[in-house]
Amino acid sequence: MHSPLTMIITLACTSGVLNLYLCVHVLMKRHHYTKIAYWFILYTGLLAIYCFASAFGLMATTMTAAKFWVTLQYVGIAFSAPIGLLFIMYYLGLKITTQRIVALLIIPCISFIMVATNDIHHFHYRIYEFDPHLGAPYIEQEIGIWYIIHGVFTFTCLLVAFLLVLFQWRETAKTYRVQLISLMCSQLIPMVTSFIYLMGVISHGIDPVPIVMLISSLLFLWSISSSRLFRIMPVTKDAIFNSINDGVIVLDEFYRLIEFNPACQKMFPQLDKSMFGKDIYEVWRMLSKDVMPFQLDTITSSYECQLELADTASYTYRVQVTLLQHSQNSKGWLIIFTDITELKMLQGKLENLAYYDELTQIYNRRAFFQQCNKEFEEAQRTSTAFSVILMDIDYFKKINDVYGHVVGDHVLVHVVEMCQSQLHHREILARYGGEEFVLALNDYTLVEGEALANRIRQHIETHPFLLNGEAISVTVSCGVAEMQEELTLYQLLNRADQALYVAKQQGRNRVQVSED
């Protein structure tokens, strides 16, 4: 065997061994890596088959053996390019669907079948035989129509994979560019070498691609050891900036809009790329009816604001503004919008459940004490008059027994509405329990509290509850007490309760004031 041919076979086998090593090495440590490792295992496994089959093909002495090895060689040739593309797509965080995988593997499957059955149709190779002058293992071949289709498809896969990696160069930190170099070379080297081979520059019948694959395999080995390929991969702008659920706006140092993500455009439908270069204050006037709720004067600041957008809907956002310092003379601003509208609505519902009576929608007992304590303490501190009214619906049990609890609920709501019609905004009305209500009256003397209680009592008495045209008479009894210097709020309420007891004992539908 000639020395140059021996060297070519040796280099092809070395390339095969190295790819096989990468395949087995990652396979053994696959549990330490992400799912991308499986694509790499398949990719390097196919390259190993390609290289070994090429080497053994160069040792063939019969045409039958040569055709067998070229058929086996096409397992690697046909499938490595699309699998390499899928590997890079996964690496860059692009979506890989079953439909895309199937679409990429249709032509490789046909190519393999075409090579395996070429003697029948000659669509892949019109002529495939030993060179009449050089002899085995040099091949004289004339390509067929499917060879061209397969070549265009393979070249396209390699080119697309190379460009996908190239476009990520600026978005990738310098630490991880070693990985990108390996990925670009793994596509560029076979693509350029195949082109040179087809141009007839290299010796006829000898495929140089398995030999040059040795370079890309060494680069893969280098990136795995130096930049922790598969363990830590660069997170690209597309993976974060375009996929984040929060709206993001980027400004330059002169407060001009230079970028926004899809989530921000969804929040502000009027946002458009035609606004690039415009001042943020001008842009904001197009997006919202409200004044811009954040300032661009601190390194980091956070705001919570409610905005009415151009579609007249109201939204609540948490806005975070951060200064981006690119260099000593270059800076910009990052504005992040987090939509907390649903969270605020949920908080409102929870607050409503915690502090408001579900039936009457006025304060419950817990909220009453929380609000009333503040005003009671303030009244004591400033020596301001303070009174309370305890109110009970007369014969409420009889209403429930005669008309049912549903009507009883409507009567409770009716009484609350009658009370509210006689109140100003400074009184605190709450459901104290059952059919009993309480009123806290800041800056009301005992006389003023008694007068208000009588107005409420009379108003309820003269406005019966109507049920299907039938008037149901409703009356209330009230007990009124005024704050004294030595009394606590609970003692004051106890006095009002005692007065209410007296009012009920004396015939109901009346107001009784507490006596010292």
Protein backbone atom coordinates (compact mmCIF):
# COMPACT_ATOMS: atom_id res chain seq x y z
CA MET A 1 0.00 0.00 0.00
CA HIS A 2 1.32 3.45 -0.91
CA SER A 3 2.62 5.64 1.92
CA PRO A 4 0.25 8.64 1.21
CA LEU A 5 -2.73 6.28 1.21
CA THR A 6 -1.56 4.72 4.48
CA MET A 7 -1.34 8.16 6.03
CA ILE A 8 -4.87 9.03 4.83
CA ILE A 9 -6.27 5.80 6.29
CA THR A 10 -4.43 6.42 9.55
CA LEU A 11 -5.78 9.97 9.86
CA ALA A 12 -9.33 8.81 9.05
CA CYS A 13 -9.11 6.08 11.70
CA THR A 14 -7.68 8.57 14.19
CA SER A 15 -10.58 10.89 13.50
CA GLY A 16 -12.98 7.96 13.97
CA VAL A 17 -11.33 6.96 17.25
CA LEU A 18 -11.49 10.51 18.56
CA ASN A 19 -15.18 10.87 17.64
CA LEU A 20 -15.89 7.50 19.20
CA TYR A 21 -14.09 8.62 22.36
CA LEU A 22 -16.19 11.80 22.52
CA CYS A 23 -19.34 9.74 22.01
CA VAL A 24 -18.50 7.25 24.76
CA HIS A 25 -17.13 9.91 27.13
CA VAL A 26 -20.33 11.98 27.00
CA LEU A 27 -22.45 8.82 27.12
CA MET A 28 -20.78 7.75 30.36
CA LYS A 29 -21.31 11.19 31.91
CA ARG A 30 -24.70 11.94 30.40
CA HIS A 31 -26.36 12.09 33.84
CA HIS A 32 -24.22 15.13 34.69
CA TYR A 33 -25.29 17.01 31.57
CA THR A 34 -28.51 18.39 30.12
CA LYS A 35 -30.52 16.67 27.39
CA ILE A 36 -28.29 18.22 24.74
CA ALA A 37 -25.74 15.50 25.54
CA TYR A 38 -27.95 12.92 23.76
CA TRP A 39 -27.85 14.93 20.53
CA PHE A 40 -24.06 15.17 20.82
CA ILE A 41 -23.75 11.41 21.44
CA LEU A 42 -25.77 10.68 18.30
CA TYR A 43 -23.85 13.29 16.29
CA THR A 44 -20.35 12.05 17.21
CA GLY A 45 -21.48 8.43 16.86
CA LEU A 46 -22.51 9.09 13.25
CA LEU A 47 -19.21 10.87 12.57
CA ALA A 48 -17.32 7.88 13.97
CA ILE A 49 -19.21 5.54 11.60
CA TYR A 50 -18.44 7.92 8.71
CA CYS A 51 -14.71 8.02 9.49
CA PHE A 52 -14.23 4.29 10.10
CA ALA A 53 -16.26 3.29 7.03
CA SER A 54 -14.22 5.71 4.93
CA ALA A 55 -10.96 4.21 6.24
CA PHE A 56 -12.06 0.62 5.63
CA GLY A 57 -13.35 1.59 2.20
CA LEU A 58 -9.84 2.75 1.28
CA MET A 59 -8.58 -0.74 2.17
CA ALA A 60 -11.13 -2.50 -0.07
CA THR A 61 -9.71 -4.64 -2.85
CA THR A 62 -12.97 -5.66 -4.51
CA MET A 63 -15.85 -3.59 -5.85
CA THR A 64 -18.31 -5.51 -3.67
CA ALA A 65 -16.37 -4.50 -0.54
CA ALA A 66 -16.03 -0.91 -1.75
CA LYS A 67 -19.79 -0.62 -2.31
CA PHE A 68 -20.51 -2.13 1.12
CA TRP A 69 -18.28 0.39 2.87
CA VAL A 70 -19.64 3.35 0.93
CA THR A 71 -23.18 2.25 1.89
CA LEU A 72 -22.14 2.08 5.54
CA GLN A 73 -20.34 5.37 5.10
CA TYR A 74 -23.61 7.00 4.09
CA VAL A 75 -25.09 6.22 7.51
CA GLY A 76 -22.75 8.92 8.74
CA ILE A 77 -22.72 11.13 5.66
CA ALA A 78 -26.50 11.31 5.26
CA PHE A 79 -27.52 11.74 8.89
CA SER A 80 -24.65 13.64 10.56
CA ALA A 81 -25.46 17.01 8.93
CA PRO A 82 -29.16 17.21 9.99
CA ILE A 83 -28.37 15.73 13.44
CA GLY A 84 -25.62 18.34 13.80
CA LEU A 85 -28.14 21.05 12.93
CA LEU A 86 -30.58 19.73 15.54
CA PHE A 87 -27.74 19.60 18.08
CA ILE A 88 -26.93 23.27 17.48
CA MET A 89 -30.59 24.28 17.53
CA TYR A 90 -30.98 22.65 20.93
CA TYR A 91 -27.77 24.31 22.14
CA LEU A 92 -29.09 27.75 21.15
CA GLY A 93 -32.45 27.13 22.82
CA LEU A 94 -34.45 26.96 19.60
CA LYS A 95 -37.65 24.96 19.64
CA ILE A 96 -37.28 21.40 18.33
CA THR A 97 -40.55 19.70 17.44
CA THR A 98 -41.24 16.18 16.23
CA GLN A 99 -42.35 17.63 12.90
CA ARG A 100 -39.00 19.38 12.43
CA ILE A 101 -37.06 16.23 13.27
CA VAL A 102 -39.06 14.15 10.81
CA ALA A 103 -38.72 16.80 8.08
CA LEU A 104 -34.93 16.91 8.48
CA LEU A 105 -34.55 13.12 8.37
CA ILE A 106 -36.66 12.37 5.26
CA ILE A 107 -33.93 13.16 2.71
CA PRO A 108 -31.15 11.34 4.67
CA CYS A 109 -33.30 8.20 4.80
CA ILE A 110 -33.91 8.38 1.03
CA SER A 111 -30.19 9.02 0.40
CA PHE A 112 -29.18 5.92 2.35
CA ILE A 113 -31.69 3.79 0.43
CA MET A 114 -30.52 5.29 -2.87
CA VAL A 115 -26.87 4.39 -2.17
CA ALA A 116 -27.76 0.90 -0.94
CA THR A 117 -29.79 0.18 -4.11
CA ASN A 118 -27.74 2.23 -6.57
CA ASP A 119 -26.95 -0.77 -8.80
CA ILE A 120 -30.66 -1.03 -9.63
CA HIS A 121 -31.44 2.59 -10.62
CA HIS A 122 -28.14 4.55 -10.71
CA PHE A 123 -29.88 7.70 -9.41
CA HIS A 124 -27.13 8.46 -6.91
CA TYR A 125 -24.06 7.36 -8.88
CA ARG A 126 -24.28 6.98 -12.64
CA ILE A 127 -20.87 5.32 -12.54
CA TYR A 128 -19.14 3.90 -9.45
CA GLU A 129 -16.10 1.71 -10.18
CA PHE A 130 -12.37 1.47 -9.58
CA ASP A 131 -10.23 3.95 -11.48
CA PRO A 132 -9.00 2.12 -14.62
CA HIS A 133 -5.56 3.72 -14.33
CA LEU A 134 -4.94 3.93 -10.58
CA GLY A 135 -6.87 0.81 -9.61
CA ALA A 136 -8.24 -0.05 -6.16
CA PRO A 137 -9.05 1.68 -3.88
CA TYR A 138 -9.27 4.82 -6.06
CA ILE A 139 -12.81 5.32 -7.35
CA GLU A 140 -13.99 6.78 -10.61
CA GLN A 141 -17.51 8.10 -10.12
CA GLU A 142 -20.08 10.04 -12.06
CA ILE A 143 -22.79 11.63 -9.92
CA GLY A 144 -26.50 11.21 -10.50
CA ILE A 145 -29.53 13.42 -9.84
CA TRP A 146 -30.05 12.28 -6.25
CA TYR A 147 -26.39 12.92 -5.41
CA ILE A 148 -27.02 16.58 -6.27
CA ILE A 149 -30.20 16.70 -4.16
CA HIS A 150 -28.42 15.08 -1.24
CA GLY A 151 -25.43 17.42 -1.62
CA VAL A 152 -27.59 20.55 -1.64
CA PHE A 153 -29.49 19.35 1.43
CA THR A 154 -26.30 18.51 3.35
CA PHE A 155 -24.63 21.80 2.40
CA THR A 156 -27.77 23.70 3.50
CA CYS A 157 -27.82 21.97 6.90
CA LEU A 158 -24.16 22.79 7.49
CA LEU A 159 -24.57 26.40 6.35
CA VAL A 160 -27.71 27.02 8.44
CA ALA A 161 -26.06 25.52 11.53
CA PHE A 162 -22.96 27.67 10.99
CA LEU A 163 -25.00 30.87 10.55
CA LEU A 164 -27.14 30.15 13.63
CA VAL A 165 -24.00 29.95 15.75
CA LEU A 166 -22.39 32.95 14.05
CA PHE A 167 -25.42 35.17 14.76
CA GLN A 168 -25.05 34.39 18.49
CA TRP A 169 -21.44 35.56 18.68
CA ARG A 170 -22.16 39.12 19.86
CA GLU A 171 -24.79 37.93 22.32
CA THR A 172 -22.43 35.47 24.02
CA ALA A 173 -20.03 36.28 26.85
CA LYS A 174 -16.32 35.93 26.01
CA THR A 175 -16.01 33.07 28.50
CA TYR A 176 -18.25 30.87 26.38
CA ARG A 177 -17.03 31.82 22.90
CA VAL A 178 -14.72 28.81 22.96
CA GLN A 179 -17.86 26.72 22.66
CA LEU A 180 -19.07 28.75 19.69
CA ILE A 181 -15.73 28.35 17.93
CA SER A 182 -16.00 24.57 18.27
CA LEU A 183 -19.55 24.57 16.96
CA MET A 184 -18.77 26.83 14.01
CA CYS A 185 -15.71 24.79 13.02
CA SER A 186 -17.68 21.54 13.25
CA GLN A 187 -19.92 22.88 10.47
CA LEU A 188 -17.53 25.08 8.51
CA ILE A 189 -14.66 22.59 8.12
CA PRO A 190 -16.64 19.76 6.46
CA MET A 191 -18.63 22.27 4.40
CA VAL A 192 -15.51 23.93 2.93
CA THR A 193 -13.67 20.63 2.49
CA SER A 194 -16.60 19.04 0.67
CA PHE A 195 -16.77 22.04 -1.65
CA ILE A 196 -13.05 21.79 -2.44
CA TYR A 197 -13.41 18.04 -3.02
CA LEU A 198 -16.27 18.51 -5.46
CA MET A 199 -14.25 21.17 -7.30
CA GLY A 200 -11.68 18.43 -8.09
CA VAL A 201 -8.80 20.09 -6.24
CA ILE A 202 -8.11 16.97 -4.14
CA SER A 203 -7.11 13.55 -5.48
CA HIS A 204 -9.97 11.89 -7.32
CA GLY A 205 -11.90 9.25 -5.41
CA ILE A 206 -10.51 10.04 -1.95
CA ASP A 207 -12.98 11.78 0.42
CA PRO A 208 -10.94 14.20 2.59
CA VAL A 209 -13.79 15.09 4.99
CA PRO A 210 -13.13 12.27 7.54
CA ILE A 211 -9.53 13.47 7.80
CA VAL A 212 -10.36 17.11 8.50
CA MET A 213 -13.04 16.05 10.99
CA LEU A 214 -10.06 15.34 13.25
CA ILE A 215 -9.70 19.12 13.72
CA SER A 216 -13.31 19.73 14.77
CA SER A 217 -13.17 16.71 17.09
CA LEU A 218 -10.09 18.14 18.82
CA LEU A 219 -11.91 21.46 19.17
CA PHE A 220 -14.87 19.70 20.78
CA LEU A 221 -12.53 17.98 23.21
CA TRP A 222 -10.93 21.33 23.99
CA SER A 223 -14.27 23.08 24.64
CA ILE A 224 -15.54 20.23 26.84
CA SER A 225 -12.46 20.50 29.07
CA SER A 226 -11.87 24.28 28.99
CA SER A 227 -15.36 25.85 28.93
CA ARG A 228 -17.45 23.04 30.44
CA LEU A 229 -19.50 22.38 27.33
CA PHE A 230 -22.89 20.81 28.23
CA ARG A 231 -22.50 21.73 31.92
CA ILE A 232 -22.65 25.52 31.48
CA MET A 233 -23.98 26.89 28.22
CA PRO A 234 -24.27 30.60 27.37
CA VAL A 235 -27.77 31.94 27.90
CA THR A 236 -28.54 34.00 24.84
CA LYS A 237 -30.52 37.18 24.48
CA ASP A 238 -33.30 35.27 22.73
CA ALA A 239 -33.58 32.82 25.63
CA ILE A 240 -34.01 35.59 28.22
CA PHE A 241 -34.88 38.89 26.61
CA ASN A 242 -37.46 37.60 24.16
CA SER A 243 -38.87 34.84 26.36
CA ILE A 244 -39.20 36.65 29.68
CA ASN A 245 -42.78 37.24 30.81
CA ASP A 246 -42.01 40.71 32.16
CA GLY A 247 -42.07 43.66 29.80
CA VAL A 248 -38.60 45.15 29.19
CA ILE A 249 -37.70 48.51 27.67
CA VAL A 250 -34.09 49.53 26.99
CA LEU A 251 -33.08 53.19 26.68
CA ASP A 252 -29.78 54.76 25.70
CA GLU A 253 -28.01 57.40 27.79
CA PHE A 254 -30.16 60.13 26.21
CA TYR A 255 -33.40 58.37 27.27
CA ARG A 256 -34.18 57.26 23.71
CA LEU A 257 -35.93 53.95 23.05
CA ILE A 258 -33.55 51.41 21.53
CA GLU A 259 -35.16 48.02 22.33
CA PHE A 260 -38.19 46.27 23.81
CA ASN A 261 -39.21 42.63 24.12
CA PRO A 262 -42.39 40.86 22.89
CA ALA A 263 -43.88 40.78 26.40
CA CYS A 264 -43.65 44.58 26.59
CA GLN A 265 -45.34 44.94 23.22
CA LYS A 266 -48.13 42.70 24.49
CA MET A 267 -48.55 44.96 27.53
CA PHE A 268 -48.46 48.11 25.38
CA PRO A 269 -49.95 47.21 21.96
CA GLN A 270 -49.17 50.68 20.58
CA LEU A 271 -45.44 50.03 21.04
CA ASP A 272 -43.82 49.74 17.63
CA LYS A 273 -40.30 49.58 16.18
CA SER A 274 -41.00 52.86 14.43
CA MET A 275 -40.63 54.45 17.89
CA PHE A 276 -36.94 53.48 18.07
CA GLY A 277 -34.83 56.58 18.62
CA LYS A 278 -37.68 58.60 20.15
CA ASP A 279 -37.51 60.11 23.62
CA ILE A 280 -39.15 57.87 26.24
CA TYR A 281 -41.37 60.72 27.44
CA GLU A 282 -42.70 61.15 23.90
CA VAL A 283 -43.19 57.39 23.58
CA TRP A 284 -44.99 57.24 26.91
CA ARG A 285 -47.56 59.80 25.80
CA MET A 286 -48.47 57.43 22.97
CA LEU A 287 -48.77 54.43 25.29
CA SER A 288 -50.70 55.73 28.29
CA LYS A 289 -53.09 58.46 29.35
CA ASP A 290 -51.26 58.80 32.68
CA VAL A 291 -48.11 60.73 33.51
CA MET A 292 -45.00 58.54 33.35
CA PRO A 293 -44.89 57.03 36.87
CA PHE A 294 -41.14 56.44 37.11
CA GLN A 295 -38.05 58.62 37.24
CA LEU A 296 -34.70 58.11 35.48
CA ASP A 297 -32.51 59.77 38.06
CA THR A 298 -31.30 56.97 40.36
CA ILE A 299 -29.19 53.86 39.81
CA THR A 300 -32.02 51.54 40.85
CA SER A 301 -35.59 52.37 41.81
CA SER A 302 -38.87 50.50 42.11
CA TYR A 303 -42.43 51.75 41.77
CA GLU A 304 -45.94 50.35 41.97
CA CYS A 305 -48.46 52.15 39.82
CA GLN A 306 -51.87 51.80 38.26
CA LEU A 307 -52.03 52.82 34.62
CA GLU A 308 -54.89 53.45 32.26
CA LEU A 309 -53.62 52.49 28.83
CA ALA A 310 -54.83 53.63 25.46
CA ASP A 311 -57.38 50.79 25.35
CA THR A 312 -59.01 52.40 28.46
CA ALA A 313 -58.31 49.29 30.54
CA SER A 314 -56.64 49.80 33.91
CA TYR A 315 -53.62 47.73 34.91
CA THR A 316 -51.37 47.59 37.94
CA TYR A 317 -47.63 47.28 37.36
CA ARG A 318 -44.52 46.96 39.46
CA VAL A 319 -41.92 49.02 37.62
CA GLN A 320 -38.19 48.61 38.21
CA VAL A 321 -35.71 51.07 36.71
CA THR A 322 -32.03 50.15 36.58
CA LEU A 323 -29.04 52.09 35.26
CA LEU A 324 -26.94 50.09 32.78
CA GLN A 325 -23.31 51.16 32.86
CA HIS A 326 -21.60 49.76 29.75
CA SER A 327 -18.34 51.63 30.15
CA GLN A 328 -17.03 54.85 31.63
CA ASN A 329 -18.58 56.94 28.89
CA SER A 330 -21.57 54.81 27.96
CA LYS A 331 -24.71 54.02 29.87
CA GLY A 332 -28.36 53.24 29.38
CA TRP A 333 -31.53 52.40 31.25
CA LEU A 334 -33.42 49.16 31.75
CA ILE A 335 -37.13 49.45 32.62
CA ILE A 336 -38.92 46.26 33.64
CA PHE A 337 -42.72 46.09 33.89
CA THR A 338 -44.27 43.27 35.94
CA ASP A 339 -48.03 42.98 35.54
CA ILE A 340 -49.49 42.48 39.04
CA THR A 341 -53.09 43.32 38.11
CA GLU A 342 -54.40 39.84 38.90
CA LEU A 343 -52.32 39.71 42.08
CA LYS A 344 -53.80 43.01 43.25
CA MET A 345 -57.31 41.83 42.41
CA LEU A 346 -56.68 38.66 44.41
CA GLN A 347 -55.31 40.69 47.32
CA GLY A 348 -58.43 42.86 47.14
CA LYS A 349 -60.67 39.80 47.23
CA LEU A 350 -58.76 38.35 50.17
CA GLU A 351 -58.91 41.67 51.99
CA ASN A 352 -62.61 41.86 51.28
CA LEU A 353 -63.08 38.38 52.77
CA ALA A 354 -60.95 39.26 55.78
CA TYR A 355 -62.46 42.66 56.61
CA TYR A 356 -65.92 42.84 55.09
CA ASP A 357 -69.11 40.98 55.87
CA GLU A 358 -69.88 38.79 52.86
CA LEU A 359 -73.65 39.44 52.95
CA THR A 360 -73.92 43.17 53.71
CA GLN A 361 -70.51 44.30 52.38
CA ILE A 362 -69.84 46.45 55.43
CA TYR A 363 -67.04 45.96 57.96
CA ASN A 364 -67.09 42.72 59.95
CA ARG A 365 -66.37 42.57 63.69
CA ARG A 366 -62.61 42.11 63.19
CA ALA A 367 -62.28 45.09 60.86
CA PHE A 368 -64.44 47.21 63.12
CA PHE A 369 -62.09 46.80 66.08
CA GLN A 370 -59.03 47.38 63.87
CA GLN A 371 -60.44 50.66 62.52
CA CYS A 372 -62.25 51.77 65.65
CA ASN A 373 -59.26 51.32 67.95
CA LYS A 374 -57.27 53.89 65.96
CA GLU A 375 -60.03 56.50 66.11
CA PHE A 376 -60.81 55.73 69.76
CA GLU A 377 -57.17 56.25 70.78
CA GLU A 378 -56.95 59.42 68.71
CA ALA A 379 -60.13 60.76 70.35
CA GLN A 380 -58.72 60.03 73.80
CA ARG A 381 -55.43 61.72 72.92
CA THR A 382 -57.13 64.87 71.59
CA SER A 383 -60.03 64.83 74.11
CA THR A 384 -62.55 64.65 71.26
CA ALA A 385 -66.09 63.35 71.82
CA PHE A 386 -66.61 59.73 70.81
CA SER A 387 -69.80 57.63 70.97
CA VAL A 388 -70.96 54.19 69.87
CA ILE A 389 -74.36 52.80 68.92
CA LEU A 390 -75.27 49.14 69.21
CA MET A 391 -78.30 48.27 67.10
CA ASP A 392 -80.41 45.08 67.04
CA ILE A 393 -83.23 44.15 64.63
CA ASP A 394 -86.42 43.50 66.59
CA TYR A 395 -87.99 40.04 66.35
CA PHE A 396 -85.55 38.99 63.61
CA LYS A 397 -85.97 35.32 64.51
CA LYS A 398 -89.70 35.63 63.78
CA ILE A 399 -88.91 37.03 60.30
CA ASN A 400 -86.69 34.02 59.60
CA ASP A 401 -89.30 31.58 60.89
CA VAL A 402 -92.18 33.09 58.89
CA TYR A 403 -90.46 34.06 55.64
CA GLY A 404 -87.30 31.92 55.62
CA HIS A 405 -83.61 32.67 55.95
CA VAL A 406 -83.26 33.99 52.40
CA VAL A 407 -85.76 36.77 53.15
CA GLY A 408 -84.00 37.28 56.48
CA ASP A 409 -80.75 37.92 54.59
CA HIS A 410 -82.50 40.47 52.39
CA VAL A 411 -83.84 42.22 55.51
CA LEU A 412 -80.28 42.50 56.90
CA VAL A 413 -79.15 44.13 53.66
CA HIS A 414 -82.21 46.42 53.74
CA VAL A 415 -81.37 47.60 57.27
CA VAL A 416 -77.76 48.34 56.27
CA GLU A 417 -78.94 50.40 53.29
CA MET A 418 -81.35 52.37 55.52
CA CYS A 419 -78.52 53.08 57.98
CA GLN A 420 -76.09 54.17 55.26
CA SER A 421 -78.62 56.63 53.88
CA GLN A 422 -78.49 58.52 57.21
CA LEU A 423 -74.73 58.50 57.62
CA HIS A 424 -71.87 60.69 56.55
CA HIS A 425 -68.52 59.24 55.50
CA ARG A 426 -66.79 59.61 58.88
CA GLU A 427 -68.89 57.04 60.80
CA ILE A 428 -67.82 53.39 61.01
CA LEU A 429 -70.67 50.93 60.41
CA ALA A 430 -70.08 47.22 60.96
CA ARG A 431 -71.96 43.98 61.42
CA TYR A 432 -71.35 43.08 65.05
CA GLY A 433 -72.87 39.61 64.83
CA GLY A 434 -76.11 37.98 63.62
CA GLU A 435 -78.74 40.70 63.39
CA GLU A 436 -76.72 43.15 65.50
CA PHE A 437 -74.84 46.18 64.10
CA VAL A 438 -72.46 48.72 65.59
CA LEU A 439 -71.69 52.34 64.76
CA ALA A 440 -68.55 54.18 65.90
CA LEU A 441 -69.11 57.94 65.94
CA ASN A 442 -66.00 60.07 66.13
CA ASP A 443 -66.68 63.67 67.29
CA TYR A 444 -70.24 62.77 68.38
CA THR A 445 -71.45 63.61 71.88
CA LEU A 446 -73.97 61.39 73.66
CA VAL A 447 -76.80 63.73 72.65
CA GLU A 448 -75.68 63.76 69.00
CA GLY A 449 -75.31 59.99 69.04
CA GLU A 450 -78.82 59.58 70.49
CA ALA A 451 -80.24 61.91 67.79
CA LEU A 452 -78.55 59.93 65.00
CA ALA A 453 -79.81 56.64 66.47
CA ASN A 454 -83.35 57.99 66.51
CA ARG A 455 -83.10 59.19 62.91
CA ILE A 456 -81.94 55.76 61.82
CA ARG A 457 -84.63 54.02 63.90
CA GLN A 458 -87.38 56.20 62.47
CA HIS A 459 -86.12 55.87 58.90
CA ILE A 460 -86.12 52.07 59.15
CA GLU A 461 -89.56 52.07 60.72
CA THR A 462 -91.05 54.25 57.97
CA HIS A 463 -89.43 52.24 55.17
CA PRO A 464 -90.63 48.64 55.49
CA PHE A 465 -88.99 45.88 53.47
CA LEU A 466 -91.04 45.01 50.37
CA LEU A 467 -91.44 41.35 49.41
CA ASN A 468 -93.43 40.80 46.20
CA GLY A 469 -95.54 43.86 46.98
CA GLU A 470 -96.00 42.88 50.63
CA ALA A 471 -94.57 45.30 53.22
CA ILE A 472 -92.69 43.59 56.02
CA SER A 473 -92.38 45.89 59.02
CA VAL A 474 -88.84 46.12 60.38
CA THR A 475 -87.82 48.01 63.52
CA VAL A 476 -84.61 48.26 65.51
CA SER A 477 -83.61 48.89 69.11
CA CYS A 478 -80.49 50.94 69.88
CA GLY A 479 -78.16 51.46 72.82
CA VAL A 480 -75.92 54.56 72.88
CA ALA A 481 -72.88 55.22 75.05
CA GLU A 482 -70.29 58.02 75.13
CA MET A 483 -66.57 57.68 75.83
CA GLN A 484 -65.43 58.64 79.27
CA GLU A 485 -61.85 59.36 80.24
CA GLU A 486 -61.35 56.17 82.23
CA LEU A 487 -63.12 53.79 79.80
CA THR A 488 -61.58 51.39 77.31
CA LEU A 489 -63.25 50.69 73.96
CA TYR A 490 -64.52 47.30 75.19
CA GLN A 491 -65.98 48.92 78.33
CA LEU A 492 -67.66 51.55 76.17
CA LEU A 493 -69.21 48.88 73.97
CA ASN A 494 -70.34 47.01 77.09
CA ARG A 495 -72.17 50.12 78.28
CA ALA A 496 -73.87 50.46 74.88
CA ASP A 497 -74.82 46.78 75.07
CA GLN A 498 -76.39 47.26 78.50
CA ALA A 499 -78.36 50.24 77.15
CA LEU A 500 -79.53 48.12 74.21
CA TYR A 501 -80.71 45.44 76.66
CA VAL A 502 -82.77 48.06 78.50
CA ALA A 503 -84.29 49.31 75.20
CA LYS A 504 -85.40 45.79 74.33
CA GLN A 505 -86.74 45.21 77.84
CA GLN A 506 -88.82 48.38 77.58
CA GLY A 507 -90.66 47.35 74.43
CA ARG A 508 -88.18 47.55 71.53
CA ASN A 509 -88.19 50.03 68.63
CA ARG A 510 -86.58 52.64 70.81
CA VAL A 511 -83.24 54.24 71.66
CA GLN A 512 -81.74 54.00 75.14
CA VAL A 513 -78.68 55.96 76.26
CA SER A 514 -76.22 54.60 78.80
CA GLU A 515 -76.23 56.23 82.20
CA ASP A 516 -72.90 56.70 84.02
